[in-house]
């Protein structure tokens, strides 16, 4: 699951006092201080905004207070703010909303479709064939995701975002109007390819040019959406299928995409002129082909592992060999070429590397309960998909609390320590799940799910934030593609392991009974404990970086 934006541009001073002309003897006006350099283009300044810095004023007696309080040219006397500044603030807010909305629909689509498979099977054929609706989406997503950074650099983040939303809408419409299973699978592959670009580009739109001190704030928002959207998927999907049928889970994307397109076209700032910096970056064709072969091979091998385990079955060995071979070529080529598809040298940075490892391992923390807990409610307790979704939504409470608390906690104790606390909370909330029965209190289960949501939010968000904080602004596109891909593959691997664990527990207990789920959570509790290892490594890397920064400041 884990998993690309602009910041608010520099705002001209809103002090209602006009700046006095400096005396000739003072000399040229020094440039105003600016925040650290970023890749984001500053907004057009208001007329006269650069005339002099706010701190370079003449004596107080040189100004007429009566005139100072009067309406100044270009000012809004009612609001007391520069209209250009207010417009820039609105643009930044809408940009964040659009980016988060794009990530939301792509993440929601990964789970909303699952509850429609039975209805889809009744329309198109056996469930084993209909399962390709999910598989095709995932394969296309991981195949295109490595190219997202290059597309954003070459064509511009805004244009790439708009194009990916448009293609996602076309794919969703094609799914809703499909009349045969091959049409549906092909349309899902198109949607998956668009989502593979949309998710990382949304992160680029959100974080590009964002000051370091605000990354935690926007990542908390982005992480909350990333965690909540899969929880909402089963509930929303169940309601749509019950009301209109299987096609409704695809049609619901159309109005959402339409709103995103209108706002993005009208209110998100245009990209910098093409041909600057990344615009001249050629496409690394060999890198794209080997990256696609590696990621698709990994996903297919992991899926085969969930069915056959570690065996010599060709369904497992063939994609594994393809993944290893193409992955080796990809890494060697990326480290040698002058214009790599992905900058793998980012992994030489200690904080970035340990954060990425955490993001991969935290797939177990994020995705395993999304599979086991709904199955427990439906198979062991006989609840409907809608009721199950409503019970699972208790986790959203914890996620929202984590989103609000994550930034101040990180600021006080650091990202690594926050991740450790989140994993410990997740483990504590998992303890009651190791004793599941047919009469376990729903109040206890909802409380455990809520605490799990809190713990999960305190793991994924700090890890992503620290990863982005550790790289230069120009590396945001590469980092976004890499981290989203790492999270997706980590989640796929986690789901495969959980599937094997649950299958063996079900065989031992002769079915999907509560004891089978209790045993599965018992084993997963040990896996969660292992994720503390990379979390502690991130904590140590955090402290070393802070110590080095403090020493450099002295």
Protein backbone atom coordinates (compact mmCIF):
# COMPACT_ATOMS: atom_id res chain seq x y z
CA UNK A 1 0.00 0.00 0.00
CA UNK A 2 2.34 3.41 1.15
CA UNK A 3 1.49 5.32 0.19
CA UNK A 4 4.11 15.50 -5.18
CA UNK A 5 3.00 18.86 -4.75
CA UNK A 6 3.70 22.52 -4.60
CA UNK A 7 3.98 24.73 -1.65
CA UNK A 8 2.36 27.99 -0.94
CA UNK A 9 4.40 30.57 -2.89
CA UNK A 10 6.20 33.38 -1.10
CA UNK A 11 3.51 35.80 0.04
CA UNK A 12 4.18 39.53 -0.25
CA UNK A 13 4.07 41.49 2.98
CA UNK A 14 0.57 42.14 4.24
CA UNK A 15 1.60 45.02 6.51
CA UNK A 16 -0.82 47.83 5.65
CA UNK A 17 1.94 50.41 6.13
CA UNK A 18 3.46 51.48 2.80
CA UNK A 19 7.21 51.31 2.57
CA UNK A 20 8.95 54.65 2.66
CA UNK A 21 11.44 55.66 -0.01
CA UNK A 22 14.94 55.20 1.42
CA UNK A 23 17.11 58.26 1.63
CA UNK A 24 19.66 58.62 -1.20
CA UNK A 25 22.53 58.32 1.26
CA UNK A 26 21.48 54.86 2.31
CA UNK A 27 22.46 53.25 -0.98
CA UNK A 28 20.86 50.38 -2.87
CA UNK A 29 18.18 48.39 -1.08
CA UNK A 30 19.44 44.93 -0.10
CA UNK A 31 17.43 41.96 -1.35
CA UNK A 32 14.84 40.53 1.03
CA UNK A 33 15.61 37.29 2.80
CA UNK A 34 14.08 34.28 1.17
CA UNK A 35 13.35 30.74 2.27
CA UNK A 36 15.69 27.95 1.16
CA UNK A 37 15.80 27.41 -2.55
CA UNK A 38 13.21 25.08 -3.96
CA UNK A 39 12.11 23.89 -7.36
CA UNK A 40 8.72 25.59 -7.13
CA UNK A 41 8.15 28.68 -9.24
CA UNK A 42 7.29 31.72 -7.18
CA UNK A 43 4.01 33.42 -7.91
CA UNK A 44 3.95 36.70 -9.80
CA UNK A 45 4.59 39.44 -7.21
CA UNK A 46 2.09 42.16 -6.67
CA UNK A 47 2.93 45.50 -8.27
CA UNK A 48 5.48 47.25 -6.16
CA UNK A 49 6.01 44.25 -3.91
CA UNK A 50 9.76 44.24 -4.57
CA UNK A 51 10.28 47.93 -4.09
CA UNK A 52 11.98 47.46 -0.73
CA UNK A 53 12.09 44.89 2.03
CA UNK A 54 9.62 45.24 4.87
CA UNK A 55 12.45 45.76 7.33
CA UNK A 56 14.06 48.64 5.39
CA UNK A 57 11.93 51.52 6.56
CA UNK A 58 12.67 55.15 7.20
CA UNK A 59 12.12 56.73 10.61
CA UNK A 60 8.59 56.53 11.96
CA UNK A 61 8.26 60.30 11.62
CA UNK A 62 8.72 60.06 7.86
CA UNK A 63 5.34 58.34 7.48
CA UNK A 64 1.93 59.91 7.63
CA UNK A 65 -0.21 57.69 9.91
CA UNK A 66 -3.39 59.00 8.37
CA UNK A 67 -2.22 58.10 4.89
CA UNK A 68 -0.87 54.76 6.11
CA UNK A 69 -4.32 53.78 7.27
CA UNK A 70 -6.03 54.83 4.10
CA UNK A 71 -6.74 52.54 1.14
CA UNK A 72 -3.51 51.88 -0.72
CA UNK A 73 -3.30 51.04 -4.40
CA UNK A 74 -3.52 47.31 -4.98
CA UNK A 75 -4.74 46.67 -1.41
CA UNK A 76 -8.04 45.34 -0.15
CA UNK A 77 -9.07 47.88 2.50
CA UNK A 78 -11.75 45.57 3.88
CA UNK A 79 -9.52 42.58 4.40
CA UNK A 80 -6.30 44.52 4.95
CA UNK A 81 -4.48 42.07 2.68
CA UNK A 82 -2.77 42.24 -0.66
CA UNK A 83 -5.14 40.65 -3.25
CA UNK A 84 -2.19 38.94 -4.91
CA UNK A 85 -1.21 37.36 -1.60
CA UNK A 86 -4.77 36.20 -0.93
CA UNK A 87 -5.00 34.74 -4.45
CA UNK A 88 -1.69 32.94 -3.99
CA UNK A 89 -2.90 31.46 -0.70
CA UNK A 90 -6.13 30.23 -2.30
CA UNK A 91 -4.15 28.71 -5.16
CA UNK A 92 -1.86 26.88 -2.76
CA UNK A 93 -4.82 25.52 -0.78
CA UNK A 94 -6.61 24.35 -3.92
CA UNK A 95 -3.39 22.76 -5.21
CA UNK A 96 -3.09 20.75 -1.99
CA UNK A 97 -6.77 19.77 -2.19
CA UNK A 98 -6.44 18.65 -5.82
CA UNK A 99 -3.29 16.63 -5.11
CA UNK A 100 -4.83 14.90 -2.10
CA UNK A 101 -8.02 14.24 -4.09
CA UNK A 102 -6.07 12.61 -6.90
CA UNK A 103 -4.27 10.31 -4.49
CA UNK A 104 -7.59 9.56 -2.77
CA UNK A 105 -9.42 8.27 -5.85
CA UNK A 106 -6.45 6.15 -6.90
CA UNK A 107 -6.08 4.62 -3.41
CA UNK A 108 -9.85 4.13 -3.04
CA UNK A 109 -9.95 2.23 -6.33
CA UNK A 110 -7.63 -0.44 -4.94
CA UNK A 111 -10.25 -1.66 -2.43
CA UNK A 112 -13.62 -0.41 -3.65
CA UNK A 113 -13.57 -2.92 -6.51
CA UNK A 114 -12.94 -5.97 -4.31
CA UNK A 115 -16.49 -6.12 -2.94
CA UNK A 116 -17.90 -6.11 -6.50
CA UNK A 117 -16.07 -9.24 -7.67
CA UNK A 118 -18.88 -11.64 -6.70
CA UNK A 119 -21.41 -9.55 -8.63
CA UNK A 120 -18.95 -9.22 -11.52
CA UNK A 121 -18.45 -12.98 -11.53
CA UNK A 122 -22.20 -13.51 -11.83
CA UNK A 123 -22.15 -11.27 -14.91
CA UNK A 124 -18.94 -12.38 -16.67
CA UNK A 125 -17.90 -15.87 -15.48
CA UNK A 126 -15.80 -17.77 -12.96
CA UNK A 127 -14.21 -15.87 -10.10
CA UNK A 128 -10.77 -17.21 -11.06
CA UNK A 129 -11.06 -15.35 -14.37
CA UNK A 130 -12.66 -12.25 -12.87
CA UNK A 131 -9.70 -12.02 -10.48
CA UNK A 132 -7.72 -10.65 -13.43
CA UNK A 133 -9.70 -7.43 -12.99
CA UNK A 134 -7.67 -6.83 -9.83
CA UNK A 135 -4.42 -8.35 -11.10
CA UNK A 136 -4.35 -6.33 -14.36
CA UNK A 137 -4.83 -3.10 -12.42
CA UNK A 138 -1.96 -3.88 -10.06
CA UNK A 139 0.45 -5.01 -12.79
CA UNK A 140 -0.16 -1.91 -14.92
CA UNK A 141 0.20 0.30 -11.85
CA UNK A 142 3.63 -1.01 -10.82
CA UNK A 143 4.85 -1.10 -14.44
CA UNK A 144 4.18 2.62 -15.05
CA UNK A 145 5.02 3.98 -11.61
CA UNK A 146 8.82 4.17 -12.23
CA UNK A 147 8.18 6.53 -15.17
CA UNK A 148 6.14 9.02 -13.12
CA UNK A 149 9.16 11.11 -12.07
CA UNK A 150 10.44 11.44 -15.64
CA UNK A 151 6.97 12.35 -16.96
CA UNK A 152 6.60 15.08 -14.33
CA UNK A 153 10.07 16.46 -15.11
CA UNK A 154 9.63 16.28 -18.88
CA UNK A 155 6.06 17.53 -19.32
CA UNK A 156 5.46 19.36 -16.04
CA UNK A 157 3.78 18.20 -12.86
CA UNK A 158 0.47 19.96 -13.53
CA UNK A 159 0.15 18.67 -17.09
CA UNK A 160 1.10 15.13 -16.07
CA UNK A 161 -1.38 15.20 -13.20
CA UNK A 162 -4.20 16.42 -15.45
CA UNK A 163 -3.39 13.84 -18.13
CA UNK A 164 -3.29 10.97 -15.64
CA UNK A 165 -6.64 12.00 -14.10
CA UNK A 166 -8.16 12.21 -17.58
CA UNK A 167 -6.87 8.75 -18.57
CA UNK A 168 -8.05 7.35 -15.23
CA UNK A 169 -11.53 8.73 -15.96
CA UNK A 170 -11.51 7.20 -19.45
CA UNK A 171 -10.45 3.83 -18.01
CA UNK A 172 -13.17 4.00 -15.34
CA UNK A 173 -15.83 4.81 -17.95
CA UNK A 174 -14.63 1.93 -20.13
CA UNK A 175 -14.90 -0.40 -17.12
CA UNK A 176 -18.45 0.73 -16.34
CA UNK A 177 -19.60 0.17 -19.94
CA UNK A 178 -17.73 -3.10 -20.56
CA UNK A 179 -19.81 -5.90 -22.05
CA UNK A 180 -17.22 -8.70 -21.94
CA UNK A 181 -14.57 -9.78 -19.46
CA UNK A 182 -11.62 -9.04 -21.82
CA UNK A 183 -12.94 -5.49 -22.25
CA UNK A 184 -13.20 -5.06 -18.49
CA UNK A 185 -9.69 -6.40 -17.86
CA UNK A 186 -8.20 -4.16 -20.57
CA UNK A 187 -10.02 -1.13 -19.17
CA UNK A 188 -8.77 -1.94 -15.67
CA UNK A 189 -5.22 -2.15 -17.01
CA UNK A 190 -5.66 1.34 -18.49
CA UNK A 191 -6.94 2.63 -15.14
CA UNK A 192 -4.03 0.97 -13.36
CA UNK A 193 -1.49 2.56 -15.69
CA UNK A 194 -3.04 5.98 -15.03
CA UNK A 195 -3.08 5.35 -11.27
CA UNK A 196 0.58 4.30 -11.41
CA UNK A 197 1.41 7.81 -12.63
CA UNK A 198 -1.28 9.64 -10.67
CA UNK A 199 -0.25 8.53 -7.17
CA UNK A 200 3.42 9.63 -7.27
CA UNK A 201 2.66 12.74 -9.33
CA UNK A 202 0.07 13.75 -6.73
CA UNK A 203 2.83 13.48 -4.14
CA UNK A 204 5.13 15.59 -6.33
CA UNK A 205 2.41 18.22 -6.71
CA UNK A 206 1.96 18.26 -2.93
CA UNK A 207 5.61 18.39 -1.83
CA UNK A 208 7.56 20.12 -4.60
CA UNK A 209 8.82 23.44 -3.34
CA UNK A 210 7.37 22.85 0.10
CA UNK A 211 9.60 24.29 2.84
CA UNK A 212 11.22 21.62 4.98
CA UNK A 213 9.36 22.75 8.08
CA UNK A 214 5.97 22.23 6.37
CA UNK A 215 6.62 18.78 4.90
CA UNK A 216 5.36 17.13 8.08
CA UNK A 217 2.09 19.05 7.85
CA UNK A 218 1.29 18.14 4.26
CA UNK A 219 2.51 14.56 4.64
CA UNK A 220 0.25 14.13 7.68
CA UNK A 221 -2.68 15.14 5.48
CA UNK A 222 -1.53 12.98 2.58
CA UNK A 223 -0.83 10.01 4.87
CA UNK A 224 -4.24 10.28 6.52
CA UNK A 225 -5.94 10.13 3.14
CA UNK A 226 -3.71 7.20 2.13
CA UNK A 227 -4.77 5.29 5.24
CA UNK A 228 -8.46 6.23 5.28
CA UNK A 229 -9.27 5.66 1.59
CA UNK A 230 -8.65 1.87 1.67
CA UNK A 231 -10.80 1.68 4.81
CA UNK A 232 -13.66 3.47 3.06
CA UNK A 233 -13.40 1.30 -0.06
CA UNK A 234 -15.34 -1.76 1.17
CA UNK A 235 -18.12 0.36 2.69
CA UNK A 236 -18.55 2.61 -0.34
CA UNK A 237 -18.23 -0.33 -2.70
CA UNK A 238 -20.79 -2.40 -0.79
CA UNK A 239 -23.32 0.44 -0.84
CA UNK A 240 -22.81 1.05 -4.57
CA UNK A 241 -23.08 -2.62 -5.52
CA UNK A 242 -26.21 -3.10 -3.41
CA UNK A 243 -27.84 -0.05 -4.99
CA UNK A 244 -26.84 -0.26 -8.67
CA UNK A 245 -24.63 -3.26 -9.36
CA UNK A 246 -20.98 -4.01 -10.16
CA UNK A 247 -20.56 -1.19 -12.71
CA UNK A 248 -21.25 1.51 -10.12
CA UNK A 249 -17.86 1.05 -8.40
CA UNK A 250 -16.25 2.30 -11.63
CA UNK A 251 -18.81 4.95 -12.55
CA UNK A 252 -18.38 6.69 -9.19
CA UNK A 253 -14.91 7.81 -10.32
CA UNK A 254 -16.29 9.92 -13.16
CA UNK A 255 -17.76 12.86 -11.20
CA UNK A 256 -14.76 12.83 -8.86
CA UNK A 257 -12.35 13.02 -11.79
CA UNK A 258 -14.45 15.75 -13.43
CA UNK A 259 -14.20 17.95 -10.32
CA UNK A 260 -10.44 17.38 -10.09
CA UNK A 261 -9.94 18.26 -13.75
CA UNK A 262 -11.96 21.48 -13.55
CA UNK A 263 -10.15 22.71 -10.44
CA UNK A 264 -6.71 21.65 -11.72
CA UNK A 265 -7.23 23.39 -15.07
CA UNK A 266 -8.57 26.59 -13.53
CA UNK A 267 -6.74 27.04 -10.24
CA UNK A 268 -3.47 25.06 -10.12
CA UNK A 269 -0.49 27.13 -11.25
CA UNK A 270 0.89 26.37 -14.68
CA UNK A 271 4.17 24.53 -15.03
CA UNK A 272 7.47 26.21 -15.74
CA UNK A 273 8.28 26.53 -19.46
CA UNK A 274 9.31 23.24 -21.02
CA UNK A 275 12.94 22.74 -21.87
CA UNK A 276 14.39 23.88 -18.54
CA UNK A 277 16.41 21.43 -16.43
CA UNK A 278 14.40 18.22 -16.36
CA UNK A 279 12.62 19.17 -19.59
CA UNK A 280 15.77 18.24 -21.53
CA UNK A 281 16.10 14.92 -19.71
CA UNK A 282 15.77 12.09 -22.25
CA UNK A 283 13.67 9.03 -21.56
CA UNK A 284 15.74 6.12 -20.30
CA UNK A 285 14.08 3.42 -22.43
CA UNK A 286 16.24 0.57 -21.16
CA UNK A 287 15.62 1.70 -17.59
CA UNK A 288 11.86 1.85 -18.15
CA UNK A 289 11.71 -1.61 -19.75
CA UNK A 290 13.85 -3.30 -17.11
CA UNK A 291 12.04 -1.51 -14.27
CA UNK A 292 8.67 -2.62 -15.64
CA UNK A 293 9.90 -6.21 -16.09
CA UNK A 294 11.32 -6.27 -12.56
CA UNK A 295 8.26 -4.84 -10.80
CA UNK A 296 5.80 -6.98 -12.75
CA UNK A 297 7.95 -10.06 -12.12
CA UNK A 298 8.04 -9.31 -8.39
CA UNK A 299 4.27 -8.91 -8.18
CA UNK A 300 3.61 -12.11 -10.14
CA UNK A 301 6.10 -14.06 -8.04
CA UNK A 302 4.55 -12.75 -4.82
CA UNK A 303 1.07 -13.71 -6.02
CA UNK A 304 2.29 -17.19 -6.91
CA UNK A 305 3.92 -17.44 -3.49
CA UNK A 306 0.56 -16.73 -1.85
CA UNK A 307 -0.88 -19.75 -3.67
CA UNK A 308 1.99 -22.24 -3.83
CA UNK A 309 4.39 -21.07 -1.10
CA UNK A 310 8.15 -21.48 -1.58
CA UNK A 311 8.11 -24.21 -4.21
CA UNK A 312 9.59 -25.06 -7.59
CA UNK A 313 6.33 -24.31 -9.34
CA UNK A 314 6.91 -22.49 -12.67
CA UNK A 315 4.31 -19.87 -11.74
CA UNK A 316 6.65 -18.82 -8.94
CA UNK A 317 10.11 -19.51 -10.41
CA UNK A 318 9.68 -17.92 -13.85
CA UNK A 319 8.61 -14.43 -12.68
CA UNK A 320 11.17 -14.63 -9.87
CA UNK A 321 13.98 -15.25 -12.36
CA UNK A 322 12.67 -12.44 -14.60
CA UNK A 323 12.53 -10.07 -11.62
CA UNK A 324 16.07 -10.87 -10.46
CA UNK A 325 17.58 -10.68 -13.94
CA UNK A 326 15.85 -7.48 -15.03
CA UNK A 327 16.39 -5.93 -11.61
CA UNK A 328 20.13 -6.56 -11.83
CA UNK A 329 20.30 -4.96 -15.28
CA UNK A 330 18.19 -2.03 -14.09
CA UNK A 331 20.39 -1.23 -11.08
CA UNK A 332 23.66 -1.51 -13.03
CA UNK A 333 22.29 0.66 -15.82
CA UNK A 334 20.88 3.33 -13.48
CA UNK A 335 24.22 3.71 -11.71
CA UNK A 336 26.15 4.08 -14.98
CA UNK A 337 23.92 6.14 -17.27
CA UNK A 338 24.11 9.93 -17.31
CA UNK A 339 20.30 10.32 -17.40
CA UNK A 340 18.79 7.53 -15.27
CA UNK A 341 15.06 6.88 -15.07
CA UNK A 342 15.34 6.89 -11.26
CA UNK A 343 18.17 8.33 -9.21
CA UNK A 344 19.14 5.30 -7.12
CA UNK A 345 21.97 7.29 -5.53
CA UNK A 346 19.35 8.71 -3.18
CA UNK A 347 19.68 5.45 -1.27
CA UNK A 348 23.22 6.41 -0.28
CA UNK A 349 21.73 8.90 2.15
CA UNK A 350 21.32 7.16 5.51
CA UNK A 351 18.00 8.77 6.53
CA UNK A 352 16.41 8.26 3.10
CA UNK A 353 17.57 4.64 2.95
CA UNK A 354 16.33 3.71 6.41
CA UNK A 355 13.04 5.55 5.84
CA UNK A 356 12.49 3.63 2.58
CA UNK A 357 13.19 0.32 4.36
CA UNK A 358 10.64 1.30 7.00
CA UNK A 359 8.07 2.11 4.32
CA UNK A 360 8.55 -1.35 2.80
CA UNK A 361 8.34 -3.19 6.13
CA UNK A 362 5.38 -1.16 7.36
CA UNK A 363 3.33 -2.77 4.62
CA UNK A 364 2.68 -5.50 7.18
CA UNK A 365 1.40 -2.96 9.70
CA UNK A 366 -0.80 -1.20 7.14
CA UNK A 367 -2.19 -3.94 4.89
CA UNK A 368 -2.41 -7.10 6.99
CA UNK A 369 -5.35 -5.91 9.13
CA UNK A 370 -7.16 -4.65 6.03
CA UNK A 371 -7.34 -8.27 4.89
CA UNK A 372 -7.69 -10.25 8.14
CA UNK A 373 -10.15 -8.13 10.11
CA UNK A 374 -12.80 -7.82 7.33
CA UNK A 375 -12.53 -11.57 6.68
CA UNK A 376 -13.05 -12.23 10.37
CA UNK A 377 -16.19 -10.11 10.45
CA UNK A 378 -17.61 -11.67 7.27
CA UNK A 379 -16.50 -15.31 7.56
CA UNK A 380 -16.38 -15.90 11.31
CA UNK A 381 -19.13 -13.51 12.44
CA UNK A 382 -21.40 -13.54 9.36
CA UNK A 383 -21.54 -9.76 8.87
CA UNK A 384 -22.38 -8.13 5.54
CA UNK A 385 -19.88 -6.16 3.51
CA UNK A 386 -21.53 -2.87 4.44
CA UNK A 387 -21.57 -3.66 8.18
CA UNK A 388 -17.97 -4.82 7.96
CA UNK A 389 -16.98 -1.58 6.30
CA UNK A 390 -18.72 0.45 8.98
CA UNK A 391 -16.93 -1.50 11.73
CA UNK A 392 -13.61 -1.02 9.96
CA UNK A 393 -14.22 2.71 9.74
CA UNK A 394 -13.41 2.87 13.46
CA UNK A 395 -9.81 2.83 12.32
CA UNK A 396 -10.42 6.17 10.62
CA UNK A 397 -10.82 7.79 14.03
CA UNK A 398 -7.30 6.80 15.00
CA UNK A 399 -5.95 7.88 11.63
CA UNK A 400 -7.46 11.35 11.99
CA UNK A 401 -6.01 11.72 15.49
CA UNK A 402 -2.62 10.59 14.18
CA UNK A 403 -2.81 13.14 11.37
CA UNK A 404 -3.42 15.94 13.87
CA UNK A 405 -0.83 14.78 16.39
CA UNK A 406 1.93 13.55 14.09
CA UNK A 407 3.50 16.90 13.19
CA UNK A 408 3.91 18.26 16.76
CA UNK A 409 5.11 14.87 18.00
CA UNK A 410 7.70 14.64 15.22
CA UNK A 411 8.84 18.20 15.88
CA UNK A 412 9.42 17.39 19.54
CA UNK A 413 10.91 13.87 19.49
CA UNK A 414 11.89 13.24 15.84
CA UNK A 415 10.54 11.03 13.08
CA UNK A 416 12.38 7.84 14.07
CA UNK A 417 11.11 7.94 17.64
CA UNK A 418 7.58 8.60 16.39
CA UNK A 419 7.75 5.50 14.17
CA UNK A 420 8.87 3.39 17.12
CA UNK A 421 5.96 4.68 19.22
CA UNK A 422 3.54 3.96 16.38
CA UNK A 423 4.72 0.35 16.03
CA UNK A 424 4.46 -0.21 19.79
CA UNK A 425 0.89 1.14 19.76
CA UNK A 426 0.05 -1.12 16.84
CA UNK A 427 1.43 -4.13 18.69
CA UNK A 428 -0.56 -3.29 21.84
CA UNK A 429 -3.74 -2.97 19.76
CA UNK A 430 -3.02 -6.34 18.12
CA UNK A 431 -2.81 -8.22 21.43
CA UNK A 432 -6.64 -8.47 21.83
CA UNK A 433 -6.86 -9.81 18.28
CA UNK A 434 -4.72 -12.82 19.20
CA UNK A 435 -7.62 -14.08 21.34
CA UNK A 436 -10.48 -13.67 18.86
CA UNK A 437 -13.56 -15.81 19.39
CA UNK A 438 -17.11 -15.97 18.09
CA UNK A 439 -18.25 -13.73 20.95
CA UNK A 440 -15.48 -11.14 21.17
CA UNK A 441 -17.01 -7.79 22.09
CA UNK A 442 -17.48 -5.46 19.14
CA UNK A 443 -16.72 -2.54 21.44
CA UNK A 444 -13.32 -4.08 22.22
CA UNK A 445 -12.70 -4.76 18.53
CA UNK A 446 -13.59 -1.21 17.48
CA UNK A 447 -11.35 0.19 20.21
CA UNK A 448 -8.49 -2.04 19.05
CA UNK A 449 -9.05 -1.00 15.43
CA UNK A 450 -9.06 2.68 16.42
CA UNK A 451 -5.78 2.33 18.33
CA UNK A 452 -4.34 0.44 15.38
CA UNK A 453 -5.31 3.37 13.15
CA UNK A 454 -3.52 5.73 15.51
CA UNK A 455 -0.40 3.55 15.59
CA UNK A 456 -0.37 3.05 11.83
CA UNK A 457 -0.69 6.80 11.24
CA UNK A 458 2.28 7.38 13.53
CA UNK A 459 4.40 4.98 11.46
CA UNK A 460 3.70 5.63 7.77
CA UNK A 461 3.49 9.44 7.92
CA UNK A 462 6.79 10.06 9.79
CA UNK A 463 8.66 7.60 7.58
CA UNK A 464 7.43 9.30 4.40
CA UNK A 465 8.08 12.75 5.83
CA UNK A 466 11.65 11.97 6.87
CA UNK A 467 12.36 10.46 3.46
CA UNK A 468 11.26 13.62 1.65
CA UNK A 469 13.01 15.89 4.13
CA UNK A 470 16.30 14.11 3.52
CA UNK A 471 16.51 14.83 -0.24
CA UNK A 472 17.05 18.00 -2.25
CA UNK A 473 13.95 19.63 -3.78
CA UNK A 474 15.13 18.69 -7.28
CA UNK A 475 15.05 15.01 -6.25
CA UNK A 476 11.38 15.07 -5.16
CA UNK A 477 10.07 13.48 -8.43
CA UNK A 478 12.51 10.55 -8.19
CA UNK A 479 11.88 10.11 -4.46
CA UNK A 480 8.12 10.13 -4.94
CA UNK A 481 8.18 7.41 -7.60
CA UNK A 482 10.62 5.29 -5.58
CA UNK A 483 8.82 5.57 -2.24
CA UNK A 484 5.37 4.90 -3.68
CA UNK A 485 6.71 1.90 -5.56
CA UNK A 486 8.47 0.58 -2.44
CA UNK A 487 5.26 0.96 -0.46
CA UNK A 488 3.17 -0.80 -3.11
CA UNK A 489 5.54 -3.75 -3.43
CA UNK A 490 5.88 -3.97 0.35
CA UNK A 491 2.10 -4.09 0.69
CA UNK A 492 1.82 -6.78 -1.99
CA UNK A 493 4.45 -8.88 -0.24
CA UNK A 494 2.69 -8.39 3.11
CA UNK A 495 -0.65 -9.51 1.70
CA UNK A 496 0.96 -12.61 0.20
CA UNK A 497 2.53 -13.58 3.53
CA UNK A 498 -0.75 -12.96 5.36
CA UNK A 499 -2.58 -15.13 2.82
CA UNK A 500 -0.18 -18.02 3.40
CA UNK A 501 -0.39 -17.62 7.19
CA UNK A 502 -4.19 -17.54 7.19
CA UNK A 503 -4.46 -20.46 4.76
CA UNK A 504 -2.31 -22.67 6.99
CA UNK A 505 -4.19 -21.59 10.10
CA UNK A 506 -7.50 -22.37 8.37
CA UNK A 507 -6.25 -25.83 7.45
CA UNK A 508 -5.18 -26.44 11.04
CA UNK A 509 -8.55 -25.35 12.44
CA UNK A 510 -10.67 -26.77 9.58
CA UNK A 511 -12.00 -23.53 8.22
CA UNK A 512 -12.04 -19.75 8.62
CA UNK A 513 -13.10 -19.94 12.24
CA UNK A 514 -12.18 -17.35 14.90
CA UNK A 515 -9.28 -19.48 16.16
CA UNK A 516 -7.68 -19.38 12.70
CA UNK A 517 -7.71 -15.58 12.74
CA UNK A 518 -6.41 -15.50 16.32
CA UNK A 519 -3.44 -17.70 15.35
CA UNK A 520 -2.74 -15.53 12.32
CA UNK A 521 -2.62 -12.38 14.41
CA UNK A 522 -0.35 -14.16 16.87
CA UNK A 523 2.20 -14.79 14.12
CA UNK A 524 1.78 -11.28 12.75
CA UNK A 525 2.47 -9.84 16.18
CA UNK A 526 5.97 -11.34 15.92
CA UNK A 527 6.34 -9.82 12.44
CA UNK A 528 5.33 -6.41 13.80
CA UNK A 529 8.07 -6.75 16.41
CA UNK A 530 10.60 -7.29 13.62
CA UNK A 531 9.59 -3.98 12.03
CA UNK A 532 11.02 -2.31 15.13
CA UNK A 533 14.51 -3.06 13.77
CA UNK A 534 14.39 -0.63 10.82
CA UNK A 535 12.42 1.82 12.99
CA UNK A 536 15.26 1.91 15.53
CA UNK A 537 17.72 2.33 12.65
CA UNK A 538 15.74 5.38 11.49
CA UNK A 539 15.77 6.72 15.05
CA UNK A 540 19.58 6.40 15.19
CA UNK A 541 19.99 8.01 11.74
CA UNK A 542 17.70 10.84 12.84
CA UNK A 543 19.76 11.55 15.94
CA UNK A 544 23.05 11.45 14.05
CA UNK A 545 21.73 13.92 11.50
CA UNK A 546 20.47 16.27 14.21
CA UNK A 547 23.80 16.06 16.03
CA UNK A 548 25.73 16.80 12.85
CA UNK A 549 23.44 19.72 12.06
CA UNK A 550 23.87 21.15 15.54
CA UNK A 551 27.66 20.80 15.29
CA UNK A 552 27.69 22.56 11.92
CA UNK A 553 25.61 25.42 13.32
CA UNK A 554 28.15 26.10 16.11
